[in-house]
Each structure stands twice: as structure tokens, then as C-alpha cells.
Amino acid sequence: MRKDFLEGIEIIYEDRDILVIDKPPRLLTMASATEREKTAYHILTDYVRKGCAKSHKRIFIVHRLDRDTSGIVIFAKTEAAKKCLQTQWDKTEKKYLAVVYGKLPVKSGAITSYLAENAAHVVYSTKDGSKGKLSTTAYKVLKETRDFSVLEIDLVTGRKNQIRVHFAENGHPVVGDAKYGKKDDIHKRMALFARSISFLHPWNGRRMLLEAKIPTYLAGLVGAINRGRVTLACLPAGKQIAGRQGHSASNNPCSPISDVQSDSFL
């Protein structure tokens, strides 16, 4: 593994079909109109090519995280793996940890709305279903004080800025969210973290669970809530897991991928 190519990105799991990383905050998943090279996609393309400009190896984007959201992102190493993962994306479970302002009146539930985006790239809820996409964010309060709540979030749908918009519009913006949160927020990093992902492997059809460590800045924020009396004991343990269970290879939902496996492991 060539760590010199990763530029702060931690590889959680890798095989001949997929590459799963822990994306740091303030790094784009893919290129934008203003940033082409400082992206996870560009860095990982360089990684799989081992720094050789003549290499034809590629990676493929399966999904994205917002620039300021840290945590787990899956990339595919073949186009067939990408298509398979995206086809069965409704079977993928994505868990987040977040710290939001205030105490939620309902401690476990779901927020549902139609989300639309305006010309300034600001996402908002609309009552007109023809103008937005139906979006659902399930959550559970893990710990709360008078001013903050620590949440476990299940991203049922995966719209742009979905978690941030849903909680901000309900009066509980994510701590450190400069776009949708408090304008006078003293926190410079957003307290939103893609903690785990569970999905069916595109080659053998087995269910995998991958988790990332709670980042230092988020652990510190949680620990500082309520004047240091809150500890991480209320949070799931922070460790990396590459667990496999459930489906056998015969249950592979995308078996045609077997015809295109040419890349060697690592």
C-alpha cells in the first residue's frame, strides 16, 4: 500500500472489486467546477495507478459525501462493480453520527420531506412533490444535554445535503455547518460523520459491514458537551471492521460481473 499517494485518506478495505476509504473533512469526493485535482477520486486514481501516468487502471464513483462530511465512501474498481453496487443501493444501510444543537422533542423517529435545490445550490424542503425528491432521514438520540444532542442517523435516502437540511429546518442544525447552520457558530468543523456502511459485495453477494473510527475532532466535541461530563461511553465503539455474513456466492445479485474480473488484488 503506497501511503504517500493517499494524502490523509485512510483505506479501510480493498479487494479486486472495491476500495473503501475514510474520507477526511474538507475534501471533495469528486471534481467540481472550481476544484479538479484535490479530490478523493483524483488521489485514489493516482493510488491504483501507483503513480504511473501511463497506467490505464481506474476507479469508479459509487456515491458521494459532502465536502465537509467525513467518513466512509465506497469506490468501485470496475464499471461492472459500480453498476452492481448502484443497482442494489436500496439494500445498502448507511449510518451516521452527528452532533446537533438543542434537544429534540421526539427521541427516535424520522424526518421526511421533498428536497429541491435552487440556482444558488441551496437545498430546501418543498411541499410540491413535482419539484423535489422524496427524502427520509431516520434518527435516534444517543445522548443529550440542554444545548446539544448526539444522534445516530440512518440515511434512508441519499439526497444532497439531506441530513443537514432536515435537522436545520427543524430547528436543530448540525454543529459547525456553515451553510445551513448557525451563522455565529464557533465550531469550524462540521460534526457529521459517515460512521458505517453495510452492503452486498458486488462479486460474491455476501453482506459486508465496514466501520470507521470516530474522528478526533468529533470525539473531542462529544467529550466536551456538558462541561466534560459526557464521555464517549454513549457512542458505539470506534474500530474498523470488515465483517462478512449472510448471502453466499450463489446468491450474487450481479453475477455477470464474473466475466470482467481482470485486475489483480492490490
Protein backbone atom coordinates (compact mmCIF):
# COMPACT_ATOMS: atom_id res chain seq x y z
CA MET A 1 0.00 0.00 0.00
CA ARG A 2 1.54 3.30 -1.12
CA LYS A 3 0.71 5.65 1.74
CA ASP A 4 2.49 8.51 0.01
CA PHE A 5 -0.30 8.67 -2.56
CA LEU A 6 -3.15 8.89 -0.06
CA GLU A 7 -2.76 12.45 1.27
CA GLY A 8 -4.68 11.93 4.51
CA ILE A 9 -7.12 9.33 3.18
CA GLU A 10 -7.29 6.08 5.16
CA ILE A 11 -8.11 2.89 3.27
CA ILE A 12 -10.48 0.78 5.36
CA TYR A 13 -10.92 -2.11 2.93
CA GLU A 14 -9.68 -3.04 -0.53
CA ASP A 15 -10.00 -6.01 -2.86
CA ARG A 16 -10.10 -6.51 -6.63
CA ASP A 17 -13.62 -5.05 -6.91
CA ILE A 18 -13.95 -2.24 -4.36
CA LEU A 19 -11.97 0.36 -2.46
CA VAL A 20 -13.48 1.74 0.75
CA ILE A 21 -12.00 4.81 2.41
CA ASP A 22 -12.41 7.09 5.42
CA LYS A 23 -12.65 10.49 3.74
CA PRO A 24 -11.34 13.41 5.78
CA PRO A 25 -13.38 16.61 6.07
CA ARG A 26 -12.85 19.45 3.57
CA LEU A 27 -12.04 17.04 0.75
CA LEU A 28 -14.37 16.70 -2.24
CA THR A 29 -15.37 13.19 -3.29
CA MET A 30 -15.21 14.18 -6.97
CA ALA A 31 -14.29 17.24 -9.03
CA SER A 32 -16.32 20.42 -9.03
CA ALA A 33 -16.31 23.46 -11.31
CA THR A 34 -13.69 25.11 -9.10
CA GLU A 35 -11.62 22.12 -7.95
CA ARG A 36 -10.36 19.39 -10.27
CA GLU A 37 -7.42 17.71 -8.54
CA LYS A 38 -7.79 17.94 -4.77
CA THR A 39 -10.46 15.25 -4.63
CA ALA A 40 -10.71 11.72 -3.27
CA TYR A 41 -11.30 10.48 -6.81
CA HIS A 42 -8.11 12.06 -8.14
CA ILE A 43 -5.99 10.89 -5.19
CA LEU A 44 -7.28 7.31 -5.40
CA THR A 45 -6.87 7.17 -9.17
CA ASP A 46 -3.21 8.04 -8.62
CA TYR A 47 -3.06 5.37 -5.91
CA VAL A 48 -4.37 2.50 -8.07
CA ARG A 49 -2.05 3.57 -10.87
CA LYS A 50 0.90 3.51 -8.44
CA GLY A 51 1.89 6.94 -9.66
CA CYS A 52 2.34 5.77 -13.25
CA ALA A 53 0.78 8.27 -15.66
CA LYS A 54 0.66 5.62 -18.42
CA SER A 55 -1.43 3.21 -16.36
CA HIS A 56 -5.00 2.63 -17.53
CA LYS A 57 -6.32 1.49 -14.16
CA ARG A 58 -9.40 3.37 -12.99
CA ILE A 59 -11.74 3.76 -10.08
CA PHE A 60 -15.46 4.50 -10.31
CA ILE A 61 -17.59 6.71 -8.08
CA VAL A 62 -20.48 4.84 -6.45
CA HIS A 63 -21.78 7.62 -4.16
CA ARG A 64 -20.59 10.87 -2.59
CA LEU A 65 -20.18 12.66 0.71
CA ASP A 66 -20.40 16.43 1.10
CA ARG A 67 -17.05 18.20 1.22
CA ASP A 68 -17.29 18.91 4.96
CA THR A 69 -18.69 15.49 5.92
CA SER A 70 -16.08 12.92 6.89
CA GLY A 71 -16.36 9.15 6.89
CA ILE A 72 -16.90 6.09 4.74
CA VAL A 73 -17.06 6.25 0.94
CA ILE A 74 -17.13 3.28 -1.44
CA PHE A 75 -15.38 3.35 -4.82
CA ALA A 76 -15.53 0.56 -7.40
CA LYS A 77 -12.52 -0.73 -9.33
CA THR A 78 -14.52 -1.83 -12.36
CA GLU A 79 -17.53 -0.39 -14.15
CA ALA A 80 -19.41 -3.63 -13.58
CA ALA A 81 -18.84 -3.41 -9.82
CA LYS A 82 -20.07 0.19 -9.86
CA LYS A 83 -23.26 -0.73 -11.71
CA CYS A 84 -23.92 -3.65 -9.38
CA LEU A 85 -23.47 -1.57 -6.22
CA GLN A 86 -25.68 1.22 -7.54
CA THR A 87 -28.37 -1.21 -8.72
CA GLN A 88 -28.71 -2.69 -5.22
CA TRP A 89 -28.18 0.63 -3.40
CA ASP A 90 -31.64 0.38 -1.82
CA LYS A 91 -30.27 -2.60 0.15
CA THR A 92 -27.35 -0.55 1.46
CA GLU A 93 -27.52 0.68 5.06
CA LYS A 94 -25.69 3.93 5.88
CA LYS A 95 -25.24 5.06 9.50
CA TYR A 96 -24.04 8.50 10.57
CA LEU A 97 -23.10 10.15 13.85
CA ALA A 98 -23.93 13.82 14.32
CA VAL A 99 -23.99 16.48 17.00
CA VAL A 100 -26.84 18.97 16.60
CA TYR A 101 -27.93 22.00 18.57
CA GLY A 102 -30.73 21.67 21.11
CA LYS A 103 -32.86 18.84 22.48
CA LEU A 104 -35.11 17.01 20.07
CA PRO A 105 -38.68 16.63 21.38
CA VAL A 106 -39.00 13.19 19.78
CA LYS A 107 -36.07 10.97 20.74
CA SER A 108 -36.41 8.45 17.93
CA GLY A 109 -38.16 8.96 14.63
CA ALA A 110 -37.85 10.05 11.02
CA ILE A 111 -37.94 13.30 9.08
CA THR A 112 -39.49 13.12 5.62
CA SER A 113 -39.86 15.85 3.00
CA TYR A 114 -39.42 16.60 -0.67
CA LEU A 115 -36.00 18.18 -1.21
CA ALA A 116 -35.26 20.61 -4.03
CA GLU A 117 -32.24 22.75 -4.94
CA ASN A 118 -32.25 26.37 -6.07
CA ALA A 119 -29.94 28.16 -8.50
CA ALA A 120 -27.56 29.05 -5.67
CA HIS A 121 -27.15 25.31 -4.90
CA VAL A 122 -29.03 25.60 -1.62
CA VAL A 123 -31.18 22.56 -0.81
CA TYR A 124 -34.57 23.09 0.84
CA SER A 125 -37.82 21.26 1.59
CA THR A 126 -40.86 21.86 -0.59
CA LYS A 127 -44.46 20.70 -0.30
CA ASP A 128 -44.65 20.30 -4.07
CA GLY A 129 -43.65 16.73 -4.83
CA SER A 130 -43.17 17.55 -8.50
CA LYS A 131 -40.36 19.97 -7.63
CA GLY A 132 -38.44 17.82 -5.16
CA LYS A 133 -37.31 14.29 -4.38
CA LEU A 134 -38.86 12.35 -1.50
CA SER A 135 -36.24 12.11 1.26
CA THR A 136 -36.26 10.33 4.61
CA THR A 137 -33.81 10.63 7.50
CA ALA A 138 -34.29 8.28 10.48
CA TYR A 139 -32.57 9.10 13.76
CA LYS A 140 -32.12 8.11 17.39
CA VAL A 141 -30.88 10.34 20.22
CA LEU A 142 -27.87 8.70 21.88
CA LYS A 143 -27.11 11.45 24.39
CA GLU A 144 -28.39 14.93 25.07
CA THR A 145 -27.79 17.96 27.24
CA ARG A 146 -29.62 21.26 27.41
CA ASP A 147 -27.75 22.62 24.38
CA PHE A 148 -26.67 19.61 22.30
CA SER A 149 -27.84 16.19 21.11
CA VAL A 150 -25.69 13.32 19.86
CA LEU A 151 -27.56 11.40 17.16
CA GLU A 152 -27.26 8.12 15.34
CA ILE A 153 -28.72 8.65 11.88
CA ASP A 154 -29.93 6.13 9.34
CA LEU A 155 -29.82 7.70 5.88
CA VAL A 156 -32.83 6.02 4.29
CA THR A 157 -32.43 8.05 1.10
CA GLY A 158 -29.25 9.76 -0.01
CA ARG A 159 -30.03 13.24 -1.33
CA LYS A 160 -27.56 16.10 -1.46
CA ASN A 161 -27.19 17.84 1.95
CA GLN A 162 -30.13 15.77 3.21
CA ILE A 163 -29.17 15.33 6.87
CA ARG A 164 -28.03 18.92 7.22
CA VAL A 165 -31.21 20.36 5.70
CA HIS A 166 -33.63 18.13 7.58
CA PHE A 167 -32.26 18.96 11.01
CA ALA A 168 -31.63 22.65 10.26
CA GLU A 169 -35.20 23.14 9.05
CA ASN A 170 -36.46 21.51 12.23
CA GLY A 171 -34.50 23.93 14.40
CA HIS A 172 -31.58 21.63 15.21
CA PRO A 173 -28.73 22.40 12.79
CA VAL A 174 -25.60 20.28 12.75
CA VAL A 175 -22.83 21.84 14.83
CA GLY A 176 -20.27 23.54 12.59
CA ASP A 177 -22.48 23.61 9.48
CA ALA A 178 -21.54 26.92 7.86
CA LYS A 179 -24.07 26.55 5.03
CA TYR A 180 -27.29 25.59 6.83
CA GLY A 181 -26.40 26.12 10.48
CA LYS A 182 -25.81 29.00 12.87
CA LYS A 183 -24.10 31.99 11.29
CA ASP A 184 -22.19 32.69 14.51
CA ASP A 185 -21.14 29.06 15.06
CA ILE A 186 -17.70 29.00 16.72
CA HIS A 187 -17.09 25.42 15.59
CA LYS A 188 -15.07 25.33 12.38
CA ARG A 189 -15.58 21.65 11.58
CA MET A 190 -18.94 20.08 10.89
CA ALA A 191 -19.97 17.43 13.42
CA LEU A 192 -21.34 14.98 10.85
CA PHE A 193 -19.61 11.66 10.25
CA ALA A 194 -20.47 8.72 7.98
CA ARG A 195 -19.77 6.02 10.54
CA SER A 196 -20.66 2.72 8.88
CA ILE A 197 -21.98 1.14 5.74
CA SER A 198 -23.47 -2.30 5.15
CA PHE A 199 -23.83 -3.57 1.59
CA LEU A 200 -23.82 -6.65 -0.64
CA HIS A 201 -20.42 -7.30 -2.18
CA PRO A 202 -20.67 -7.00 -5.99
CA TRP A 203 -18.64 -10.15 -6.63
CA ASN A 204 -19.82 -12.76 -4.13
CA GLY A 205 -23.11 -11.27 -2.92
CA ARG A 206 -22.12 -11.51 0.75
CA ARG A 207 -23.15 -8.73 3.11
CA MET A 208 -20.27 -6.64 4.40
CA LEU A 209 -20.21 -4.22 7.32
CA LEU A 210 -17.47 -1.59 7.36
CA GLU A 211 -16.96 0.95 10.13
CA ALA A 212 -14.59 3.88 10.57
CA LYS A 213 -13.05 5.26 13.74
CA ILE A 214 -14.73 8.25 15.32
CA PRO A 215 -12.52 11.20 14.29
CA THR A 216 -10.65 13.07 16.99
CA TYR A 217 -12.47 16.35 16.47
CA LEU A 218 -15.90 14.71 16.86
CA ALA A 219 -14.81 12.67 19.88
CA GLY A 220 -13.47 15.84 21.46
CA LEU A 221 -16.70 17.72 20.81
CA VAL A 222 -18.83 14.97 22.32
CA GLY A 223 -16.49 14.74 25.29
CA ALA A 224 -16.73 18.48 25.86
CA ILE A 225 -20.52 18.57 25.90
CA ASN A 226 -21.95 19.39 29.30
CA ARG A 227 -18.59 20.67 30.61
CA GLY A 228 -16.75 17.43 30.11
CA ARG A 229 -19.21 15.19 31.95
CA VAL A 230 -20.25 13.49 28.72
CA THR A 231 -17.96 10.69 27.58
CA LEU A 232 -17.87 8.51 24.50
CA ALA A 233 -19.38 5.68 26.53
CA CYS A 234 -22.71 6.61 24.95
CA LEU A 235 -21.34 6.02 21.45
CA PRO A 236 -20.67 2.76 19.60
CA ALA A 237 -17.08 1.58 19.96
CA GLY A 238 -14.69 3.08 17.43
CA LYS A 239 -12.94 0.41 15.43
CA GLN A 240 -12.58 -0.80 11.87
CA ILE A 241 -14.49 -3.90 10.86
CA ALA A 242 -14.57 -5.81 7.60
CA GLY A 243 -17.21 -8.33 8.54
CA ARG A 244 -18.98 -10.65 6.11
CA GLN A 245 -22.12 -12.59 6.71
CA GLY A 246 -25.42 -13.64 5.20
CA HIS A 247 -25.53 -14.26 1.45
CA SER A 248 -23.50 -16.94 -0.23
CA ALA A 249 -21.83 -16.57 -3.62
CA SER A 250 -24.71 -18.42 -5.24
CA ASN A 251 -26.99 -15.56 -4.21
CA ASN A 252 -24.87 -12.99 -6.03
CA PRO A 253 -27.29 -10.30 -7.27
CA CYS A 254 -24.98 -9.27 -10.11
CA SER A 255 -23.31 -12.46 -11.32
CA PRO A 256 -22.36 -11.10 -14.80
CA ILE A 257 -19.51 -9.26 -13.11
CA SER A 258 -17.57 -12.54 -13.13
CA ASP A 259 -16.87 -12.00 -16.82
CA VAL A 260 -14.88 -8.81 -16.30
CA GLN A 261 -12.56 -9.55 -13.37
CA SER A 262 -9.10 -8.72 -14.72
CA ASP A 263 -7.44 -6.54 -12.07
CA SER A 264 -5.24 -8.38 -9.61
CA PHE A 265 -5.69 -7.94 -5.87
CA LEU A 266 -3.99 -4.70 -4.81
